[in-house]
Amino acid sequence: MARPSSDTKVVDGPRLKRFCQFCTQKSLPQYSDASALRRFMSDRGRINPRTRTGVCAKHQRVLSKQIKYARHLSLLPFTVRV
């Protein structure tokens, strides 16, 4: 029996390559800039993965360490109450 055509994926076109924000600006994430670090966190306070943030592996490691450091200094919350 043939598969229905709804199971196949349709590709609209080539995906655009996302560039790392920190590589293009030639800067590093800083723990003191809490508002910039919040952009890389979910609404629940978790660190977003690279696939969602578009940051390269090198800067994602630095970013996660800076977010954790800012949490210990009470600049960012560990969790957010819902």
PDB file of N, CA and C in Angstrom:
ATOM      1  N   MET A   1       0.833  -1.173   0.000  1.00  0.00           N
ATOM      2  CA  MET A   1       0.000   0.000   0.000  1.00  0.00           C
ATOM      3  C   MET A   1       0.885   1.246   0.000  1.00  0.00           C
ATOM      4  N   ALA A   2       0.545   2.209  -0.796  1.00  0.00           N
ATOM      5  CA  ALA A   2       1.345   3.422  -0.926  1.00  0.00           C
ATOM      6  C   ALA A   2       1.105   4.353   0.257  1.00  0.00           C
ATOM      7  N   ARG A   3       2.143   5.082   0.607  1.00  0.00           N
ATOM      8  CA  ARG A   3       2.012   6.048   1.697  1.00  0.00           C
ATOM      9  C   ARG A   3       1.254   7.274   1.225  1.00  0.00           C
ATOM     10  N   PRO A   4       0.492   7.861   2.116  1.00  0.00           N
ATOM     11  CA  PRO A   4      -0.169   9.113   1.728  1.00  0.00           C
ATOM     12  C   PRO A   4       0.851  10.232   1.567  1.00  0.00           C
ATOM     13  N   SER A   5       0.535  11.182   0.744  1.00  0.00           N
ATOM     14  CA  SER A   5       1.481  12.251   0.436  1.00  0.00           C
ATOM     15  C   SER A   5       1.683  13.220   1.591  1.00  0.00           C
ATOM     16  N   SER A   6       0.834  13.167   2.624  1.00  0.00           N
ATOM     17  CA  SER A   6       0.965  14.098   3.741  1.00  0.00           C
ATOM     18  C   SER A   6       2.142  13.744   4.646  1.00  0.00           C
ATOM     19  N   ASP A   7       2.701  12.533   4.520  1.00  0.00           N
ATOM     20  CA  ASP A   7       3.821  12.129   5.356  1.00  0.00           C
ATOM     21  C   ASP A   7       5.152  12.684   4.874  1.00  0.00           C
ATOM     22  N   THR A   8       5.212  13.146   3.651  1.00  0.00           N
ATOM     23  CA  THR A   8       6.474  13.647   3.117  1.00  0.00           C
ATOM     24  C   THR A   8       6.684  15.095   3.535  1.00  0.00           C
ATOM     25  N   LYS A   9       7.928  15.444   3.734  1.00  0.00           N
ATOM     26  CA  LYS A   9       8.263  16.812   4.123  1.00  0.00           C
ATOM     27  C   LYS A   9       8.547  17.641   2.881  1.00  0.00           C
ATOM     28  N   VAL A  10       8.050  18.835   2.877  1.00  0.00           N
ATOM     29  CA  VAL A  10       8.267  19.741   1.757  1.00  0.00           C
ATOM     30  C   VAL A  10       9.271  20.794   2.201  1.00  0.00           C
ATOM     31  N   VAL A  11      10.329  20.936   1.445  1.00  0.00           N
ATOM     32  CA  VAL A  11      11.359  21.917   1.759  1.00  0.00           C
ATOM     33  C   VAL A  11      11.102  23.153   0.903  1.00  0.00           C
ATOM     34  N   ASP A  12      10.971  24.298   1.559  1.00  0.00           N
ATOM     35  CA  ASP A  12      10.684  25.536   0.845  1.00  0.00           C
ATOM     36  C   ASP A  12      11.886  26.046   0.069  1.00  0.00           C
ATOM     37  N   GLY A  13      13.051  25.835   0.577  1.00  0.00           N
ATOM     38  CA  GLY A  13      14.253  26.327  -0.076  1.00  0.00           C
ATOM     39  C   GLY A  13      15.437  26.137   0.843  1.00  0.00           C
ATOM     40  N   PRO A  14      16.584  26.623   0.446  1.00  0.00           N
ATOM     41  CA  PRO A  14      17.756  26.468   1.308  1.00  0.00           C
ATOM     42  C   PRO A  14      17.614  27.321   2.565  1.00  0.00           C
ATOM     43  N   ARG A  15      18.076  26.779   3.661  1.00  0.00           N
ATOM     44  CA  ARG A  15      18.013  27.505   4.924  1.00  0.00           C
ATOM     45  C   ARG A  15      19.130  28.538   4.982  1.00  0.00           C
ATOM     46  N   LEU A  16      18.822  29.649   5.592  1.00  0.00           N
ATOM     47  CA  LEU A  16      19.827  30.690   5.752  1.00  0.00           C
ATOM     48  C   LEU A  16      20.767  30.316   6.886  1.00  0.00           C
ATOM     49  N   LYS A  17      22.036  30.536   6.679  1.00  0.00           N
ATOM     50  CA  LYS A  17      23.015  30.245   7.712  1.00  0.00           C
ATOM     51  C   LYS A  17      22.955  31.332   8.767  1.00  0.00           C
ATOM     52  N   ARG A  18      22.859  30.906  10.023  1.00  0.00           N
ATOM     53  CA  ARG A  18      22.818  31.851  11.124  1.00  0.00           C
ATOM     54  C   ARG A  18      24.239  32.067  11.626  1.00  0.00           C
ATOM     55  N   PHE A  19      24.583  33.299  11.825  1.00  0.00           N
ATOM     56  CA  PHE A  19      25.914  33.623  12.306  1.00  0.00           C
ATOM     57  C   PHE A  19      25.857  33.941  13.788  1.00  0.00           C
ATOM     58  N   CYS A  20      26.909  33.592  14.473  1.00  0.00           N
ATOM     59  CA  CYS A  20      26.999  33.842  15.907  1.00  0.00           C
ATOM     60  C   CYS A  20      27.044  35.346  16.151  1.00  0.00           C
ATOM     61  N   GLN A  21      26.226  35.802  17.067  1.00  0.00           N
ATOM     62  CA  GLN A  21      26.160  37.222  17.394  1.00  0.00           C
ATOM     63  C   GLN A  21      27.485  37.714  17.969  1.00  0.00           C
ATOM     64  N   PHE A  22      28.123  36.893  18.782  1.00  0.00           N
ATOM     65  CA  PHE A  22      29.367  37.306  19.424  1.00  0.00           C
ATOM     66  C   PHE A  22      30.543  37.275  18.451  1.00  0.00           C
ATOM     67  N   CYS A  23      30.509  36.374  17.472  1.00  0.00           N
ATOM     68  CA  CYS A  23      31.577  36.336  16.469  1.00  0.00           C
ATOM     69  C   CYS A  23      31.503  37.544  15.547  1.00  0.00           C
ATOM     70  N   THR A  24      30.294  37.941  15.154  1.00  0.00           N
ATOM     71  CA  THR A  24      30.162  39.078  14.248  1.00  0.00           C
ATOM     72  C   THR A  24      30.522  40.387  14.939  1.00  0.00           C
ATOM     73  N   GLN A  25      30.213  40.510  16.234  1.00  0.00           N
ATOM     74  CA  GLN A  25      30.533  41.739  16.969  1.00  0.00           C
ATOM     75  C   GLN A  25      31.927  41.702  17.576  1.00  0.00           C
ATOM     76  N   LYS A  26      32.567  40.535  17.529  1.00  0.00           N
ATOM     77  CA  LYS A  26      33.893  40.328  18.125  1.00  0.00           C
ATOM     78  C   LYS A  26      33.910  40.738  19.598  1.00  0.00           C
ATOM     79  N   SER A  27      32.942  40.217  20.337  1.00  0.00           N
ATOM     80  CA  SER A  27      32.838  40.484  21.765  1.00  0.00           C
ATOM     81  C   SER A  27      32.546  39.173  22.484  1.00  0.00           C
ATOM     82  N   LEU A  28      32.584  39.218  23.794  1.00  0.00           N
ATOM     83  CA  LEU A  28      32.274  38.066  24.626  1.00  0.00           C
ATOM     84  C   LEU A  28      31.098  38.409  25.532  1.00  0.00           C
ATOM     85  N   PRO A  29      30.294  37.418  25.920  1.00  0.00           N
ATOM     86  CA  PRO A  29      29.213  37.700  26.869  1.00  0.00           C
ATOM     87  C   PRO A  29      29.787  38.043  28.237  1.00  0.00           C
ATOM     88  N   GLN A  30      29.194  39.020  28.885  1.00  0.00           N
ATOM     89  CA  GLN A  30      29.648  39.470  30.193  1.00  0.00           C
ATOM     90  C   GLN A  30      28.565  39.204  31.230  1.00  0.00           C
ATOM     91  N   TYR A  31      28.957  38.741  32.421  1.00  0.00           N
ATOM     92  CA  TYR A  31      27.991  38.438  33.464  1.00  0.00           C
ATOM     93  C   TYR A  31      27.287  39.688  33.966  1.00  0.00           C
ATOM     94  N   SER A  32      27.934  40.845  33.857  1.00  0.00           N
ATOM     95  CA  SER A  32      27.360  42.079  34.389  1.00  0.00           C
ATOM     96  C   SER A  32      26.234  42.628  33.524  1.00  0.00           C
ATOM     97  N   ASP A  33      26.142  42.199  32.275  1.00  0.00           N
ATOM     98  CA  ASP A  33      25.090  42.664  31.370  1.00  0.00           C
ATOM     99  C   ASP A  33      23.923  41.681  31.435  1.00  0.00           C
ATOM    100  N   ALA A  34      23.132  41.785  32.500  1.00  0.00           N
ATOM    101  CA  ALA A  34      22.061  40.819  32.755  1.00  0.00           C
ATOM    102  C   ALA A  34      20.960  40.896  31.711  1.00  0.00           C
ATOM    103  N   SER A  35      20.674  42.080  31.201  1.00  0.00           N
ATOM    104  CA  SER A  35      19.597  42.201  30.208  1.00  0.00           C
ATOM    105  C   SER A  35      19.966  41.485  28.907  1.00  0.00           C
ATOM    106  N   ALA A  36      21.238  41.506  28.534  1.00  0.00           N
ATOM    107  CA  ALA A  36      21.672  40.795  27.330  1.00  0.00           C
ATOM    108  C   ALA A  36      21.657  39.283  27.563  1.00  0.00           C
ATOM    109  N   LEU A  37      21.990  38.848  28.773  1.00  0.00           N
ATOM    110  CA  LEU A  37      21.992  37.415  29.069  1.00  0.00           C
ATOM    111  C   LEU A  37      20.583  36.846  29.103  1.00  0.00           C
ATOM    112  N   ARG A  38      19.598  37.651  29.470  1.00  0.00           N
ATOM    113  CA  ARG A  38      18.204  37.181  29.520  1.00  0.00           C
ATOM    114  C   ARG A  38      17.692  36.780  28.147  1.00  0.00           C
ATOM    115  N   ARG A  39      18.253  37.351  27.095  1.00  0.00           N
ATOM    116  CA  ARG A  39      17.823  36.999  25.743  1.00  0.00           C
ATOM    117  C   ARG A  39      18.142  35.551  25.408  1.00  0.00           C
ATOM    118  N   PHE A  40      19.120  34.971  26.092  1.00  0.00           N
ATOM    119  CA  PHE A  40      19.536  33.602  25.826  1.00  0.00           C
ATOM    120  C   PHE A  40      18.942  32.623  26.835  1.00  0.00           C
ATOM    121  N   MET A  41      17.940  33.069  27.590  1.00  0.00           N
ATOM    122  CA  MET A  41      17.268  32.229  28.572  1.00  0.00           C
ATOM    123  C   MET A  41      15.796  32.112  28.212  1.00  0.00           C
ATOM    124  N   SER A  42      15.184  31.003  28.630  1.00  0.00           N
ATOM    125  CA  SER A  42      13.761  30.817  28.379  1.00  0.00           C
ATOM    126  C   SER A  42      12.959  31.627  29.390  1.00  0.00           C
ATOM    127  N   ASP A  43      11.646  31.637  29.222  1.00  0.00           N
ATOM    128  CA  ASP A  43      10.805  32.385  30.151  1.00  0.00           C
ATOM    129  C   ASP A  43      10.780  31.736  31.529  1.00  0.00           C
ATOM    130  N   ARG A  44      11.192  30.479  31.623  1.00  0.00           N
ATOM    131  CA  ARG A  44      11.274  29.785  32.908  1.00  0.00           C
ATOM    132  C   ARG A  44      12.632  29.943  33.580  1.00  0.00           C
ATOM    133  N   GLY A  45      13.577  30.581  32.912  1.00  0.00           N
ATOM    134  CA  GLY A  45      14.887  30.809  33.493  1.00  0.00           C
ATOM    135  C   GLY A  45      15.936  29.795  33.087  1.00  0.00           C
ATOM    136  N   ARG A  46      15.628  28.921  32.146  1.00  0.00           N
ATOM    137  CA  ARG A  46      16.600  27.926  31.691  1.00  0.00           C
ATOM    138  C   ARG A  46      17.421  28.485  30.534  1.00  0.00           C
ATOM    139  N   ILE A  47      18.636  27.970  30.377  1.00  0.00           N
ATOM    140  CA  ILE A  47      19.515  28.408  29.296  1.00  0.00           C
ATOM    141  C   ILE A  47      19.062  27.737  28.007  1.00  0.00           C
ATOM    142  N   ASN A  48      18.828  28.530  26.975  1.00  0.00           N
ATOM    143  CA  ASN A  48      18.393  27.999  25.686  1.00  0.00           C
ATOM    144  C   ASN A  48      19.551  27.296  24.984  1.00  0.00           C
ATOM    145  N   PRO A  49      19.270  26.254  24.186  1.00  0.00           N
ATOM    146  CA  PRO A  49      20.332  25.548  23.465  1.00  0.00           C
ATOM    147  C   PRO A  49      20.825  26.344  22.266  1.00  0.00           C
ATOM    148  N   ARG A  50      21.916  25.872  21.686  1.00  0.00           N
ATOM    149  CA  ARG A  50      22.527  26.541  20.525  1.00  0.00           C
ATOM    150  C   ARG A  50      21.588  26.608  19.345  1.00  0.00           C
ATOM    151  N   THR A  51      20.768  25.589  19.168  1.00  0.00           N
ATOM    152  CA  THR A  51      19.863  25.568  18.019  1.00  0.00           C
ATOM    153  C   THR A  51      18.854  26.697  18.083  1.00  0.00           C
ATOM    154  N   ARG A  52      18.512  27.128  19.268  1.00  0.00           N
ATOM    155  CA  ARG A  52      17.551  28.213  19.417  1.00  0.00           C
ATOM    156  C   ARG A  52      18.229  29.580  19.437  1.00  0.00           C
ATOM    157  N   THR A  53      19.406  29.669  20.058  1.00  0.00           N
ATOM    158  CA  THR A  53      20.061  30.970  20.188  1.00  0.00           C
ATOM    159  C   THR A  53      20.860  31.351  18.955  1.00  0.00           C
ATOM    160  N   GLY A  54      21.380  30.365  18.216  1.00  0.00           N
ATOM    161  CA  GLY A  54      22.181  30.656  17.035  1.00  0.00           C
ATOM    162  C   GLY A  54      23.608  31.047  17.353  1.00  0.00           C
ATOM    163  N   VAL A  55      24.086  30.671  18.525  1.00  0.00           N
ATOM    164  CA  VAL A  55      25.439  31.006  18.960  1.00  0.00           C
ATOM    165  C   VAL A  55      26.347  29.815  18.658  1.00  0.00           C
ATOM    166  N   CYS A  56      27.609  30.081  18.320  1.00  0.00           N
ATOM    167  CA  CYS A  56      28.546  28.998  18.033  1.00  0.00           C
ATOM    168  C   CYS A  56      28.887  28.250  19.332  1.00  0.00           C
ATOM    169  N   ALA A  57      29.514  27.087  19.193  1.00  0.00           N
ATOM    170  CA  ALA A  57      29.797  26.224  20.340  1.00  0.00           C
ATOM    171  C   ALA A  57      30.733  26.898  21.340  1.00  0.00           C
ATOM    172  N   LYS A  58      31.720  27.599  20.839  1.00  0.00           N
ATOM    173  CA  LYS A  58      32.684  28.270  21.717  1.00  0.00           C
ATOM    174  C   LYS A  58      31.991  29.308  22.588  1.00  0.00           C
ATOM    175  N   HIS A  59      31.161  30.142  21.976  1.00  0.00           N
ATOM    176  CA  HIS A  59      30.503  31.200  22.732  1.00  0.00           C
ATOM    177  C   HIS A  59      29.329  30.677  23.557  1.00  0.00           C
ATOM    178  N   GLN A  60      28.747  29.543  23.179  1.00  0.00           N
ATOM    179  CA  GLN A  60      27.691  28.951  23.997  1.00  0.00           C
ATOM    180  C   GLN A  60      28.260  28.468  25.327  1.00  0.00           C
ATOM    181  N   ARG A  61      29.481  27.911  25.309  1.00  0.00           N
ATOM    182  CA  ARG A  61      30.121  27.490  26.553  1.00  0.00           C
ATOM    183  C   ARG A  61      30.401  28.690  27.442  1.00  0.00           C
ATOM    184  N   VAL A  62      30.916  29.765  26.855  1.00  0.00           N
ATOM    185  CA  VAL A  62      31.205  30.979  27.628  1.00  0.00           C
ATOM    186  C   VAL A  62      29.908  31.579  28.148  1.00  0.00           C
ATOM    187  N   LEU A  63      28.878  31.584  27.319  1.00  0.00           N
ATOM    188  CA  LEU A  63      27.588  32.160  27.683  1.00  0.00           C
ATOM    189  C   LEU A  63      26.972  31.430  28.867  1.00  0.00           C
ATOM    190  N   SER A  64      27.019  30.103  28.854  1.00  0.00           N
ATOM    191  CA  SER A  64      26.428  29.351  29.957  1.00  0.00           C
ATOM    192  C   SER A  64      27.186  29.589  31.260  1.00  0.00           C
ATOM    193  N   LYS A  65      28.508  29.706  31.184  1.00  0.00           N
ATOM    194  CA  LYS A  65      29.278  29.993  32.396  1.00  0.00           C
ATOM    195  C   LYS A  65      28.974  31.386  32.937  1.00  0.00           C
ATOM    196  N   GLN A  66      28.804  32.361  32.047  1.00  0.00           N
ATOM    197  CA  GLN A  66      28.501  33.722  32.479  1.00  0.00           C
ATOM    198  C   GLN A  66      27.094  33.810  33.082  1.00  0.00           C
ATOM    199  N   ILE A  67      26.142  33.067  32.529  1.00  0.00           N
ATOM    200  CA  ILE A  67      24.786  33.044  33.094  1.00  0.00           C
ATOM    201  C   ILE A  67      24.812  32.421  34.483  1.00  0.00           C
ATOM    202  N   LYS A  68      25.559  31.330  34.639  1.00  0.00           N
ATOM    203  CA  LYS A  68      25.647  30.680  35.947  1.00  0.00           C
ATOM    204  C   LYS A  68      26.335  31.584  36.964  1.00  0.00           C
ATOM    205  N   TYR A  69      27.348  32.319  36.524  1.00  0.00           N
ATOM    206  CA  TYR A  69      28.046  33.245  37.413  1.00  0.00           C
ATOM    207  C   TYR A  69      27.121  34.387  37.821  1.00  0.00           C
ATOM    208  N   ALA A  70      26.328  34.893  36.881  1.00  0.00           N
ATOM    209  CA  ALA A  70      25.381  35.969  37.188  1.00  0.00           C
ATOM    210  C   ALA A  70      24.292  35.482  38.137  1.00  0.00           C
ATOM    211  N   ARG A  71      23.920  34.217  38.049  1.00  0.00           N
ATOM    212  CA  ARG A  71      22.932  33.661  38.979  1.00  0.00           C
ATOM    213  C   ARG A  71      23.479  33.645  40.400  1.00  0.00           C
ATOM    214  N   HIS A  72      24.748  33.273  40.551  1.00  0.00           N
ATOM    215  CA  HIS A  72      25.340  33.222  41.883  1.00  0.00           C
ATOM    216  C   HIS A  72      25.528  34.610  42.481  1.00  0.00           C
ATOM    217  N   LEU A  73      25.661  35.616  41.643  1.00  0.00           N
ATOM    218  CA  LEU A  73      25.774  36.989  42.128  1.00  0.00           C
ATOM    219  C   LEU A  73      24.411  37.653  42.289  1.00  0.00           C
ATOM    220  N   SER A  74      23.341  36.896  42.089  1.00  0.00           N
ATOM    221  CA  SER A  74      21.953  37.365  42.207  1.00  0.00           C
ATOM    222  C   SER A  74      21.600  38.423  41.177  1.00  0.00           C
ATOM    223  N   LEU A  75      22.254  38.412  40.035  1.00  0.00           N
ATOM    224  CA  LEU A  75      21.880  39.306  38.948  1.00  0.00           C
ATOM    225  C   LEU A  75      20.777  38.693  38.096  1.00  0.00           C
ATOM    226  N   LEU A  76      20.725  37.361  38.069  1.00  0.00           N
ATOM    227  CA  LEU A  76      19.693  36.625  37.338  1.00  0.00           C
ATOM    228  C   LEU A  76      19.059  35.613  38.287  1.00  0.00           C
ATOM    229  N   PRO A  77      17.778  35.320  38.113  1.00  0.00           N
ATOM    230  CA  PRO A  77      17.136  34.329  38.984  1.00  0.00           C
ATOM    231  C   PRO A  77      17.474  32.902  38.549  1.00  0.00           C
ATOM    232  N   PHE A  78      17.486  31.980  39.519  1.00  0.00           N
ATOM    233  CA  PHE A  78      17.670  30.573  39.186  1.00  0.00           C
ATOM    234  C   PHE A  78      16.407  30.019  38.552  1.00  0.00           C
ATOM    235  N   THR A  79      15.258  30.372  39.115  1.00  0.00           N
ATOM    236  CA  THR A  79      13.966  29.955  38.571  1.00  0.00           C
ATOM    237  C   THR A  79      13.031  31.152  38.577  1.00  0.00           C
ATOM    238  N   VAL A  80      11.970  31.036  37.790  1.00  0.00           N
ATOM    239  CA  VAL A  80      10.974  32.099  37.716  1.00  0.00           C
ATOM    240  C   VAL A  80       9.655  31.516  38.182  1.00  0.00           C
ATOM    241  N   ARG A  81       8.998  32.190  39.090  1.00  0.00           N
ATOM    242  CA  ARG A  81       7.703  31.707  39.564  1.00  0.00           C
ATOM    243  C   ARG A  81       6.643  31.946  38.513  1.00  0.00           C
ATOM    244  N   VAL A  82       5.767  30.958  38.384  1.00  0.00           N
ATOM    245  CA  VAL A  82       4.693  31.070  37.393  1.00  0.00           C
ATOM    246  C   VAL A  82       3.364  31.206  38.085  1.00  0.00           C
TER     247      VAL A  82
END
